ModelCIF file with pLDDT and N, C-alpha, C, O atoms, coordinates in Angstrom:
data_MODEL
#
_entry.id   MODEL 
#
_entity.id                         1 
_entity.type                       polymer 
_entity.pdbx_number_of_molecules   1 
#
_entity_poly.entity_id                      1 
_entity_poly.type                           'polypeptide(L)' 
_entity_poly.nstd_linkage                   no 
_entity_poly.nstd_monomer                   no 
_entity_poly.pdbx_seq_one_letter_code       IGKKCLIASQVGIAGCVVVEDEVTIWGQVGITSGITIGKKAVIS 
_entity_poly.pdbx_seq_one_letter_code_can   IGKKCLIASQVGIAGCVVVEDEVTIWGQVGITSGITIGKKAVIS 
_entity_poly.pdbx_strand_id                 A 
#
loop_
_entity_poly_seq.entity_id 
_entity_poly_seq.num 
_entity_poly_seq.mon_id 
_entity_poly_seq.hetero 
1 1  ILE n 
1 2  GLY n 
1 3  LYS n 
1 4  LYS n 
1 5  CYS n 
1 6  LEU n 
1 7  ILE n 
1 8  ALA n 
1 9  SER n 
1 10 GLN n 
1 11 VAL n 
1 12 GLY n 
1 13 ILE n 
1 14 ALA n 
1 15 GLY n 
1 16 CYS n 
1 17 VAL n 
1 18 VAL n 
1 19 VAL n 
1 20 GLU n 
1 21 ASP n 
1 22 GLU n 
1 23 VAL n 
1 24 THR n 
1 25 ILE n 
1 26 TRP n 
1 27 GLY n 
1 28 GLN n 
1 29 VAL n 
1 30 GLY n 
1 31 ILE n 
1 32 THR n 
1 33 SER n 
1 34 GLY n 
1 35 ILE n 
1 36 THR n 
1 37 ILE n 
1 38 GLY n 
1 39 LYS n 
1 40 LYS n 
1 41 ALA n 
1 42 VAL n 
1 43 ILE n 
1 44 SER n 
#
_struct_asym.id          A 
_struct_asym.entity_id   1 
#
loop_
_ma_qa_metric.id 
_ma_qa_metric.mode 
_ma_qa_metric.name 
_ma_qa_metric.software_group_id 
_ma_qa_metric.type 
1 global pLDDT . pLDDT 
2 local  pLDDT . pLDDT 
#
_ma_qa_metric_global.metric_id      1 
_ma_qa_metric_global.metric_value   97.70 
_ma_qa_metric_global.model_id       1 
_ma_qa_metric_global.ordinal_id     1 
#
loop_
_ma_qa_metric_local.label_asym_id 
_ma_qa_metric_local.label_comp_id 
_ma_qa_metric_local.label_seq_id 
_ma_qa_metric_local.metric_id 
_ma_qa_metric_local.metric_value 
_ma_qa_metric_local.model_id 
_ma_qa_metric_local.ordinal_id 
A ILE 1  2 98.00 1 1  
A GLY 2  2 98.00 1 2  
A LYS 3  2 98.00 1 3  
A LYS 4  2 98.00 1 4  
A CYS 5  2 98.00 1 5  
A LEU 6  2 98.00 1 6  
A ILE 7  2 98.00 1 7  
A ALA 8  2 98.00 1 8  
A SER 9  2 98.00 1 9  
A GLN 10 2 98.00 1 10 
A VAL 11 2 98.00 1 11 
A GLY 12 2 98.00 1 12 
A ILE 13 2 98.00 1 13 
A ALA 14 2 98.00 1 14 
A GLY 15 2 96.00 1 15 
A CYS 16 2 96.00 1 16 
A VAL 17 2 98.00 1 17 
A VAL 18 2 98.00 1 18 
A VAL 19 2 98.00 1 19 
A GLU 20 2 98.00 1 20 
A ASP 21 2 98.00 1 21 
A GLU 22 2 98.00 1 22 
A VAL 23 2 98.00 1 23 
A THR 24 2 98.00 1 24 
A ILE 25 2 98.00 1 25 
A TRP 26 2 98.00 1 26 
A GLY 27 2 96.00 1 27 
A GLN 28 2 98.00 1 28 
A VAL 29 2 98.00 1 29 
A GLY 30 2 98.00 1 30 
A ILE 31 2 98.00 1 31 
A THR 32 2 98.00 1 32 
A SER 33 2 96.00 1 33 
A GLY 34 2 95.00 1 34 
A ILE 35 2 97.00 1 35 
A THR 36 2 98.00 1 36 
A ILE 37 2 98.00 1 37 
A GLY 38 2 98.00 1 38 
A LYS 39 2 98.00 1 39 
A LYS 40 2 98.00 1 40 
A ALA 41 2 98.00 1 41 
A VAL 42 2 98.00 1 42 
A ILE 43 2 98.00 1 43 
A SER 44 2 97.00 1 44 
#
loop_
_atom_site.group_PDB 
_atom_site.id 
_atom_site.type_symbol 
_atom_site.label_atom_id 
_atom_site.label_alt_id 
_atom_site.label_comp_id 
_atom_site.label_asym_id 
_atom_site.label_entity_id 
_atom_site.label_seq_id 
_atom_site.pdbx_PDB_ins_code 
_atom_site.Cartn_x 
_atom_site.Cartn_y 
_atom_site.Cartn_z 
_atom_site.occupancy 
_atom_site.B_iso_or_equiv 
_atom_site.pdbx_formal_charge 
_atom_site.auth_seq_id 
_atom_site.auth_comp_id 
_atom_site.auth_asym_id 
_atom_site.auth_atom_id 
_atom_site.pdbx_PDB_model_num 
ATOM 1   N N  . ILE A 1 1  ? -147.694 -78.274 0.440   1.00 98.00 ? 1  ILE A N  1 
ATOM 2   C CA . ILE A 1 1  ? -146.353 -78.339 -0.139  1.00 98.00 ? 1  ILE A CA 1 
ATOM 3   C C  . ILE A 1 1  ? -145.356 -78.204 1.006   1.00 98.00 ? 1  ILE A C  1 
ATOM 4   O O  . ILE A 1 1  ? -145.435 -77.253 1.784   1.00 98.00 ? 1  ILE A O  1 
ATOM 5   N N  . GLY A 1 2  ? -144.435 -79.129 1.116   1.00 98.00 ? 2  GLY A N  1 
ATOM 6   C CA . GLY A 1 2  ? -143.511 -79.166 2.244   1.00 98.00 ? 2  GLY A CA 1 
ATOM 7   C C  . GLY A 1 2  ? -142.445 -78.093 2.212   1.00 98.00 ? 2  GLY A C  1 
ATOM 8   O O  . GLY A 1 2  ? -142.492 -77.178 1.390   1.00 98.00 ? 2  GLY A O  1 
ATOM 9   N N  . LYS A 1 3  ? -141.482 -78.210 3.112   1.00 98.00 ? 3  LYS A N  1 
ATOM 10  C CA . LYS A 1 3  ? -140.400 -77.244 3.241   1.00 98.00 ? 3  LYS A CA 1 
ATOM 11  C C  . LYS A 1 3  ? -139.357 -77.435 2.131   1.00 98.00 ? 3  LYS A C  1 
ATOM 12  O O  . LYS A 1 3  ? -139.071 -78.555 1.707   1.00 98.00 ? 3  LYS A O  1 
ATOM 13  N N  . LYS A 1 4  ? -138.800 -76.309 1.678   1.00 98.00 ? 4  LYS A N  1 
ATOM 14  C CA . LYS A 1 4  ? -137.662 -76.293 0.749   1.00 98.00 ? 4  LYS A CA 1 
ATOM 15  C C  . LYS A 1 4  ? -137.914 -77.114 -0.515  1.00 98.00 ? 4  LYS A C  1 
ATOM 16  O O  . LYS A 1 4  ? -137.031 -77.830 -0.988  1.00 98.00 ? 4  LYS A O  1 
ATOM 17  N N  . CYS A 1 5  ? -139.109 -77.002 -1.045  1.00 98.00 ? 5  CYS A N  1 
ATOM 18  C CA . CYS A 1 5  ? -139.402 -77.630 -2.336  1.00 98.00 ? 5  CYS A CA 1 
ATOM 19  C C  . CYS A 1 5  ? -139.098 -76.648 -3.461  1.00 98.00 ? 5  CYS A C  1 
ATOM 20  O O  . CYS A 1 5  ? -139.133 -75.434 -3.264  1.00 98.00 ? 5  CYS A O  1 
ATOM 21  N N  . LEU A 1 6  ? -138.799 -77.183 -4.644  1.00 98.00 ? 6  LEU A N  1 
ATOM 22  C CA . LEU A 1 6  ? -138.617 -76.393 -5.862  1.00 98.00 ? 6  LEU A CA 1 
ATOM 23  C C  . LEU A 1 6  ? -139.652 -76.845 -6.880  1.00 98.00 ? 6  LEU A C  1 
ATOM 24  O O  . LEU A 1 6  ? -139.726 -78.027 -7.217  1.00 98.00 ? 6  LEU A O  1 
ATOM 25  N N  . ILE A 1 7  ? -140.462 -75.890 -7.377  1.00 98.00 ? 7  ILE A N  1 
ATOM 26  C CA . ILE A 1 7  ? -141.521 -76.223 -8.336  1.00 98.00 ? 7  ILE A CA 1 
ATOM 27  C C  . ILE A 1 7  ? -141.357 -75.316 -9.543  1.00 98.00 ? 7  ILE A C  1 
ATOM 28  O O  . ILE A 1 7  ? -141.497 -74.098 -9.432  1.00 98.00 ? 7  ILE A O  1 
ATOM 29  N N  . ALA A 1 8  ? -141.060 -75.909 -10.701 1.00 98.00 ? 8  ALA A N  1 
ATOM 30  C CA . ALA A 1 8  ? -140.778 -75.138 -11.907 1.00 98.00 ? 8  ALA A CA 1 
ATOM 31  C C  . ALA A 1 8  ? -142.067 -74.758 -12.641 1.00 98.00 ? 8  ALA A C  1 
ATOM 32  O O  . ALA A 1 8  ? -143.167 -75.155 -12.257 1.00 98.00 ? 8  ALA A O  1 
ATOM 33  N N  . SER A 1 9  ? -141.896 -73.990 -13.692 1.00 98.00 ? 9  SER A N  1 
ATOM 34  C CA . SER A 1 9  ? -143.007 -73.376 -14.415 1.00 98.00 ? 9  SER A CA 1 
ATOM 35  C C  . SER A 1 9  ? -143.984 -74.386 -15.010 1.00 98.00 ? 9  SER A C  1 
ATOM 36  O O  . SER A 1 9  ? -143.598 -75.473 -15.440 1.00 98.00 ? 9  SER A O  1 
ATOM 37  N N  . GLN A 1 10 ? -145.257 -74.001 -15.022 1.00 98.00 ? 10 GLN A N  1 
ATOM 38  C CA . GLN A 1 10 ? -146.354 -74.726 -15.673 1.00 98.00 ? 10 GLN A CA 1 
ATOM 39  C C  . GLN A 1 10 ? -146.682 -76.060 -15.018 1.00 98.00 ? 10 GLN A C  1 
ATOM 40  O O  . GLN A 1 10 ? -147.276 -76.933 -15.651 1.00 98.00 ? 10 GLN A O  1 
ATOM 41  N N  . VAL A 1 11 ? -146.306 -76.222 -13.778 1.00 98.00 ? 11 VAL A N  1 
ATOM 42  C CA . VAL A 1 11 ? -146.719 -77.403 -13.020 1.00 98.00 ? 11 VAL A CA 1 
ATOM 43  C C  . VAL A 1 11 ? -148.166 -77.227 -12.584 1.00 98.00 ? 11 VAL A C  1 
ATOM 44  O O  . VAL A 1 11 ? -148.574 -76.131 -12.197 1.00 98.00 ? 11 VAL A O  1 
ATOM 45  N N  . GLY A 1 12 ? -148.946 -78.311 -12.646 1.00 98.00 ? 12 GLY A N  1 
ATOM 46  C CA . GLY A 1 12 ? -150.317 -78.308 -12.160 1.00 98.00 ? 12 GLY A CA 1 
ATOM 47  C C  . GLY A 1 12 ? -150.495 -79.377 -11.100 1.00 98.00 ? 12 GLY A C  1 
ATOM 48  O O  . GLY A 1 12 ? -150.326 -80.565 -11.377 1.00 98.00 ? 12 GLY A O  1 
ATOM 49  N N  . ILE A 1 13 ? -150.835 -78.961 -9.881  1.00 98.00 ? 13 ILE A N  1 
ATOM 50  C CA . ILE A 1 13 ? -151.013 -79.886 -8.767  1.00 98.00 ? 13 ILE A CA 1 
ATOM 51  C C  . ILE A 1 13 ? -152.473 -79.842 -8.336  1.00 98.00 ? 13 ILE A C  1 
ATOM 52  O O  . ILE A 1 13 ? -152.981 -78.777 -7.983  1.00 98.00 ? 13 ILE A O  1 
ATOM 53  N N  . ALA A 1 14 ? -153.139 -80.964 -8.360  1.00 98.00 ? 14 ALA A N  1 
ATOM 54  C CA . ALA A 1 14 ? -154.568 -81.025 -8.014  1.00 98.00 ? 14 ALA A CA 1 
ATOM 55  C C  . ALA A 1 14 ? -154.770 -80.880 -6.505  1.00 98.00 ? 14 ALA A C  1 
ATOM 56  O O  . ALA A 1 14 ? -153.808 -80.726 -5.753  1.00 98.00 ? 14 ALA A O  1 
ATOM 57  N N  . GLY A 1 15 ? -156.024 -80.932 -6.077  1.00 96.00 ? 15 GLY A N  1 
ATOM 58  C CA . GLY A 1 15 ? -156.344 -80.754 -4.672  1.00 96.00 ? 15 GLY A CA 1 
ATOM 59  C C  . GLY A 1 15 ? -155.985 -81.946 -3.807  1.00 96.00 ? 15 GLY A C  1 
ATOM 60  O O  . GLY A 1 15 ? -155.885 -83.076 -4.284  1.00 96.00 ? 15 GLY A O  1 
ATOM 61  N N  . CYS A 1 16 ? -155.791 -81.666 -2.513  1.00 96.00 ? 16 CYS A N  1 
ATOM 62  C CA . CYS A 1 16 ? -155.578 -82.698 -1.490  1.00 96.00 ? 16 CYS A CA 1 
ATOM 63  C C  . CYS A 1 16 ? -154.324 -83.532 -1.732  1.00 96.00 ? 16 CYS A C  1 
ATOM 64  O O  . CYS A 1 16 ? -154.282 -84.711 -1.380  1.00 96.00 ? 16 CYS A O  1 
ATOM 65  N N  . VAL A 1 17 ? -153.304 -82.925 -2.331  1.00 98.00 ? 17 VAL A N  1 
ATOM 66  C CA . VAL A 1 17 ? -152.013 -83.582 -2.539  1.00 98.00 ? 17 VAL A CA 1 
ATOM 67  C C  . VAL A 1 17 ? -151.092 -83.204 -1.373  1.00 98.00 ? 17 VAL A C  1 
ATOM 68  O O  . VAL A 1 17 ? -151.141 -82.078 -0.877  1.00 98.00 ? 17 VAL A O  1 
ATOM 69  N N  . VAL A 1 18 ? -150.263 -84.140 -0.945  1.00 98.00 ? 18 VAL A N  1 
ATOM 70  C CA . VAL A 1 18 ? -149.217 -83.852 0.035   1.00 98.00 ? 18 VAL A CA 1 
ATOM 71  C C  . VAL A 1 18 ? -147.869 -84.016 -0.665  1.00 98.00 ? 18 VAL A C  1 
ATOM 72  O O  . VAL A 1 18 ? -147.515 -85.106 -1.115  1.00 98.00 ? 18 VAL A O  1 
ATOM 73  N N  . VAL A 1 19 ? -147.126 -82.912 -0.748  1.00 98.00 ? 19 VAL A N  1 
ATOM 74  C CA . VAL A 1 19 ? -145.768 -82.935 -1.278  1.00 98.00 ? 19 VAL A CA 1 
ATOM 75  C C  . VAL A 1 19 ? -144.840 -82.754 -0.085  1.00 98.00 ? 19 VAL A C  1 
ATOM 76  O O  . VAL A 1 19 ? -144.823 -81.690 0.534   1.00 98.00 ? 19 VAL A O  1 
ATOM 77  N N  . GLU A 1 20 ? -144.083 -83.770 0.234   1.00 98.00 ? 20 GLU A N  1 
ATOM 78  C CA . GLU A 1 20 ? -143.238 -83.709 1.421   1.00 98.00 ? 20 GLU A CA 1 
ATOM 79  C C  . GLU A 1 20 ? -142.017 -82.815 1.183   1.00 98.00 ? 20 GLU A C  1 
ATOM 80  O O  . GLU A 1 20 ? -141.848 -82.274 0.090   1.00 98.00 ? 20 GLU A O  1 
ATOM 81  N N  . ASP A 1 21 ? -141.176 -82.660 2.190   1.00 98.00 ? 21 ASP A N  1 
ATOM 82  C CA . ASP A 1 21 ? -140.074 -81.694 2.150   1.00 98.00 ? 21 ASP A CA 1 
ATOM 83  C C  . ASP A 1 21 ? -139.048 -82.013 1.059   1.00 98.00 ? 21 ASP A C  1 
ATOM 84  O O  . ASP A 1 21 ? -138.791 -83.169 0.723   1.00 98.00 ? 21 ASP A O  1 
ATOM 85  N N  . GLU A 1 22 ? -138.475 -80.930 0.525   1.00 98.00 ? 22 GLU A N  1 
ATOM 86  C CA . GLU A 1 22 ? -137.311 -80.991 -0.383  1.00 98.00 ? 22 GLU A CA 1 
ATOM 87  C C  . GLU A 1 22 ? -137.586 -81.780 -1.659  1.00 98.00 ? 22 GLU A C  1 
ATOM 88  O O  . GLU A 1 22 ? -136.695 -82.442 -2.192  1.00 98.00 ? 22 GLU A O  1 
ATOM 89  N N  . VAL A 1 23 ? -138.793 -81.706 -2.133  1.00 98.00 ? 23 VAL A N  1 
ATOM 90  C CA . VAL A 1 23 ? -139.165 -82.322 -3.413  1.00 98.00 ? 23 VAL A CA 1 
ATOM 91  C C  . VAL A 1 23 ? -138.889 -81.325 -4.531  1.00 98.00 ? 23 VAL A C  1 
ATOM 92  O O  . VAL A 1 23 ? -139.123 -80.127 -4.371  1.00 98.00 ? 23 VAL A O  1 
ATOM 93  N N  . THR A 1 24 ? -138.389 -81.819 -5.666  1.00 98.00 ? 24 THR A N  1 
ATOM 94  C CA . THR A 1 24 ? -138.173 -80.998 -6.856  1.00 98.00 ? 24 THR A CA 1 
ATOM 95  C C  . THR A 1 24 ? -139.128 -81.458 -7.953  1.00 98.00 ? 24 THR A C  1 
ATOM 96  O O  . THR A 1 24 ? -139.172 -82.638 -8.299  1.00 98.00 ? 24 THR A O  1 
ATOM 97  N N  . ILE A 1 25 ? -139.890 -80.509 -8.494  1.00 98.00 ? 25 ILE A N  1 
ATOM 98  C CA . ILE A 1 25 ? -140.853 -80.814 -9.552  1.00 98.00 ? 25 ILE A CA 1 
ATOM 99  C C  . ILE A 1 25 ? -140.543 -79.913 -10.737 1.00 98.00 ? 25 ILE A C  1 
ATOM 100 O O  . ILE A 1 25 ? -140.671 -78.692 -10.640 1.00 98.00 ? 25 ILE A O  1 
ATOM 101 N N  . TRP A 1 26 ? -140.135 -80.507 -11.855 1.00 98.00 ? 26 TRP A N  1 
ATOM 102 C CA . TRP A 1 26 ? -139.739 -79.726 -13.021 1.00 98.00 ? 26 TRP A CA 1 
ATOM 103 C C  . TRP A 1 26 ? -140.935 -79.387 -13.917 1.00 98.00 ? 26 TRP A C  1 
ATOM 104 O O  . TRP A 1 26 ? -142.057 -79.821 -13.653 1.00 98.00 ? 26 TRP A O  1 
ATOM 105 N N  . GLY A 1 27 ? -140.694 -78.628 -14.954 1.00 96.00 ? 27 GLY A N  1 
ATOM 106 C CA . GLY A 1 27 ? -141.741 -77.975 -15.738 1.00 96.00 ? 27 GLY A CA 1 
ATOM 107 C C  . GLY A 1 27 ? -142.786 -78.904 -16.334 1.00 96.00 ? 27 GLY A C  1 
ATOM 108 O O  . GLY A 1 27 ? -142.485 -80.007 -16.790 1.00 96.00 ? 27 GLY A O  1 
ATOM 109 N N  . GLN A 1 28 ? -144.029 -78.421 -16.316 1.00 98.00 ? 28 GLN A N  1 
ATOM 110 C CA . GLN A 1 28 ? -145.174 -79.062 -16.959 1.00 98.00 ? 28 GLN A CA 1 
ATOM 111 C C  . GLN A 1 28 ? -145.533 -80.424 -16.368 1.00 98.00 ? 28 GLN A C  1 
ATOM 112 O O  . GLN A 1 28 ? -146.174 -81.235 -17.037 1.00 98.00 ? 28 GLN A O  1 
ATOM 113 N N  . VAL A 1 29 ? -145.139 -80.680 -15.156 1.00 98.00 ? 29 VAL A N  1 
ATOM 114 C CA . VAL A 1 29 ? -145.586 -81.894 -14.473 1.00 98.00 ? 29 VAL A CA 1 
ATOM 115 C C  . VAL A 1 29 ? -147.049 -81.722 -14.061 1.00 98.00 ? 29 VAL A C  1 
ATOM 116 O O  . VAL A 1 29 ? -147.453 -80.654 -13.603 1.00 98.00 ? 29 VAL A O  1 
ATOM 117 N N  . GLY A 1 30 ? -147.835 -82.785 -14.229 1.00 98.00 ? 30 GLY A N  1 
ATOM 118 C CA . GLY A 1 30 ? -149.220 -82.793 -13.765 1.00 98.00 ? 30 GLY A CA 1 
ATOM 119 C C  . GLY A 1 30 ? -149.391 -83.846 -12.679 1.00 98.00 ? 30 GLY A C  1 
ATOM 120 O O  . GLY A 1 30 ? -148.950 -84.984 -12.838 1.00 98.00 ? 30 GLY A O  1 
ATOM 121 N N  . ILE A 1 31 ? -150.031 -83.467 -11.574 1.00 98.00 ? 31 ILE A N  1 
ATOM 122 C CA . ILE A 1 31 ? -150.168 -84.366 -10.425 1.00 98.00 ? 31 ILE A CA 1 
ATOM 123 C C  . ILE A 1 31 ? -151.641 -84.503 -10.059 1.00 98.00 ? 31 ILE A C  1 
ATOM 124 O O  . ILE A 1 31 ? -152.323 -83.504 -9.830  1.00 98.00 ? 31 ILE A O  1 
ATOM 125 N N  . THR A 1 32 ? -152.128 -85.734 -10.005 1.00 98.00 ? 32 THR A N  1 
ATOM 126 C CA . THR A 1 32 ? -153.530 -85.991 -9.696  1.00 98.00 ? 32 THR A CA 1 
ATOM 127 C C  . THR A 1 32 ? -153.834 -85.776 -8.222  1.00 98.00 ? 32 THR A C  1 
ATOM 128 O O  . THR A 1 32 ? -152.912 -85.631 -7.419  1.00 98.00 ? 32 THR A O  1 
ATOM 129 N N  . SER A 1 33 ? -155.103 -85.753 -7.854  1.00 96.00 ? 33 SER A N  1 
ATOM 130 C CA . SER A 1 33 ? -155.510 -85.407 -6.496  1.00 96.00 ? 33 SER A CA 1 
ATOM 131 C C  . SER A 1 33 ? -155.307 -86.556 -5.514  1.00 96.00 ? 33 SER A C  1 
ATOM 132 O O  . SER A 1 33 ? -155.281 -87.728 -5.891  1.00 96.00 ? 33 SER A O  1 
ATOM 133 N N  . GLY A 1 34 ? -155.165 -86.184 -4.244  1.00 95.00 ? 34 GLY A N  1 
ATOM 134 C CA . GLY A 1 34 ? -155.219 -87.128 -3.148  1.00 95.00 ? 34 GLY A CA 1 
ATOM 135 C C  . GLY A 1 34 ? -154.035 -88.056 -2.993  1.00 95.00 ? 34 GLY A C  1 
ATOM 136 O O  . GLY A 1 34 ? -154.165 -89.105 -2.363  1.00 95.00 ? 34 GLY A O  1 
ATOM 137 N N  . ILE A 1 35 ? -152.880 -87.708 -3.547  1.00 97.00 ? 35 ILE A N  1 
ATOM 138 C CA . ILE A 1 35 ? -151.717 -88.587 -3.437  1.00 97.00 ? 35 ILE A CA 1 
ATOM 139 C C  . ILE A 1 35 ? -150.607 -87.890 -2.648  1.00 97.00 ? 35 ILE A C  1 
ATOM 140 O O  . ILE A 1 35 ? -150.704 -86.705 -2.327  1.00 97.00 ? 35 ILE A O  1 
ATOM 141 N N  . THR A 1 36 ? -149.552 -88.649 -2.341  1.00 98.00 ? 36 THR A N  1 
ATOM 142 C CA . THR A 1 36 ? -148.415 -88.129 -1.584  1.00 98.00 ? 36 THR A CA 1 
ATOM 143 C C  . THR A 1 36 ? -147.134 -88.318 -2.388  1.00 98.00 ? 36 THR A C  1 
ATOM 144 O O  . THR A 1 36 ? -146.875 -89.391 -2.934  1.00 98.00 ? 36 THR A O  1 
ATOM 145 N N  . ILE A 1 37 ? -146.342 -87.257 -2.449  1.00 98.00 ? 37 ILE A N  1 
ATOM 146 C CA . ILE A 1 37 ? -145.012 -87.318 -3.073  1.00 98.00 ? 37 ILE A CA 1 
ATOM 147 C C  . ILE A 1 37 ? -143.996 -87.323 -1.933  1.00 98.00 ? 37 ILE A C  1 
ATOM 148 O O  . ILE A 1 37 ? -143.944 -86.378 -1.145  1.00 98.00 ? 37 ILE A O  1 
ATOM 149 N N  . GLY A 1 38 ? -143.197 -88.370 -1.841  1.00 98.00 ? 38 GLY A N  1 
ATOM 150 C CA . GLY A 1 38 ? -142.285 -88.544 -0.718  1.00 98.00 ? 38 GLY A CA 1 
ATOM 151 C C  . GLY A 1 38 ? -141.134 -87.560 -0.692  1.00 98.00 ? 38 GLY A C  1 
ATOM 152 O O  . GLY A 1 38 ? -140.801 -86.949 -1.708  1.00 98.00 ? 38 GLY A O  1 
ATOM 153 N N  . LYS A 1 39 ? -140.536 -87.414 0.457   1.00 98.00 ? 39 LYS A N  1 
ATOM 154 C CA . LYS A 1 39 ? -139.446 -86.472 0.698   1.00 98.00 ? 39 LYS A CA 1 
ATOM 155 C C  . LYS A 1 39 ? -138.284 -86.687 -0.271  1.00 98.00 ? 39 LYS A C  1 
ATOM 156 O O  . LYS A 1 39 ? -137.852 -87.814 -0.509  1.00 98.00 ? 39 LYS A O  1 
ATOM 157 N N  . LYS A 1 40 ? -137.792 -85.580 -0.821  1.00 98.00 ? 40 LYS A N  1 
ATOM 158 C CA . LYS A 1 40 ? -136.616 -85.538 -1.705  1.00 98.00 ? 40 LYS A CA 1 
ATOM 159 C C  . LYS A 1 40 ? -136.831 -86.273 -3.030  1.00 98.00 ? 40 LYS A C  1 
ATOM 160 O O  . LYS A 1 40 ? -135.861 -86.616 -3.706  1.00 98.00 ? 40 LYS A O  1 
ATOM 161 N N  . ALA A 1 41 ? -138.061 -86.515 -3.401  1.00 98.00 ? 41 ALA A N  1 
ATOM 162 C CA . ALA A 1 41 ? -138.310 -87.052 -4.746  1.00 98.00 ? 41 ALA A CA 1 
ATOM 163 C C  . ALA A 1 41 ? -137.998 -85.976 -5.775  1.00 98.00 ? 41 ALA A C  1 
ATOM 164 O O  . ALA A 1 41 ? -138.108 -84.782 -5.493  1.00 98.00 ? 41 ALA A O  1 
ATOM 165 N N  . VAL A 1 42 ? -137.610 -86.406 -6.964  1.00 98.00 ? 42 VAL A N  1 
ATOM 166 C CA . VAL A 1 42 ? -137.376 -85.497 -8.097  1.00 98.00 ? 42 VAL A CA 1 
ATOM 167 C C  . VAL A 1 42 ? -138.239 -85.981 -9.253  1.00 98.00 ? 42 VAL A C  1 
ATOM 168 O O  . VAL A 1 42 ? -138.129 -87.130 -9.682  1.00 98.00 ? 42 VAL A O  1 
ATOM 169 N N  . ILE A 1 43 ? -139.099 -85.096 -9.756  1.00 98.00 ? 43 ILE A N  1 
ATOM 170 C CA . ILE A 1 43 ? -140.012 -85.458 -10.848 1.00 98.00 ? 43 ILE A CA 1 
ATOM 171 C C  . ILE A 1 43 ? -139.610 -84.657 -12.077 1.00 98.00 ? 43 ILE A C  1 
ATOM 172 O O  . ILE A 1 43 ? -139.656 -83.427 -12.062 1.00 98.00 ? 43 ILE A O  1 
ATOM 173 N N  . SER A 1 44 ? -139.219 -85.344 -13.132 1.00 97.00 ? 44 SER A N  1 
ATOM 174 C CA . SER A 1 44 ? -138.714 -84.692 -14.339 1.00 97.00 ? 44 SER A CA 1 
ATOM 175 C C  . SER A 1 44 ? -139.843 -84.067 -15.158 1.00 97.00 ? 44 SER A C  1 
ATOM 176 O O  . SER A 1 44 ? -139.589 -83.477 -16.208 1.00 97.00 ? 44 SER A O  1 
#
């Protein structure tokens, strides 16, 4: 998980994921393994 990210309640992130800097992930998001979330993305 990168720098200055915000991750809200009940998020589930699988193994081997790269979340780049300043990403915001809101509640109950599910993320599969082995992928990359780019810098400053916002996931509702």
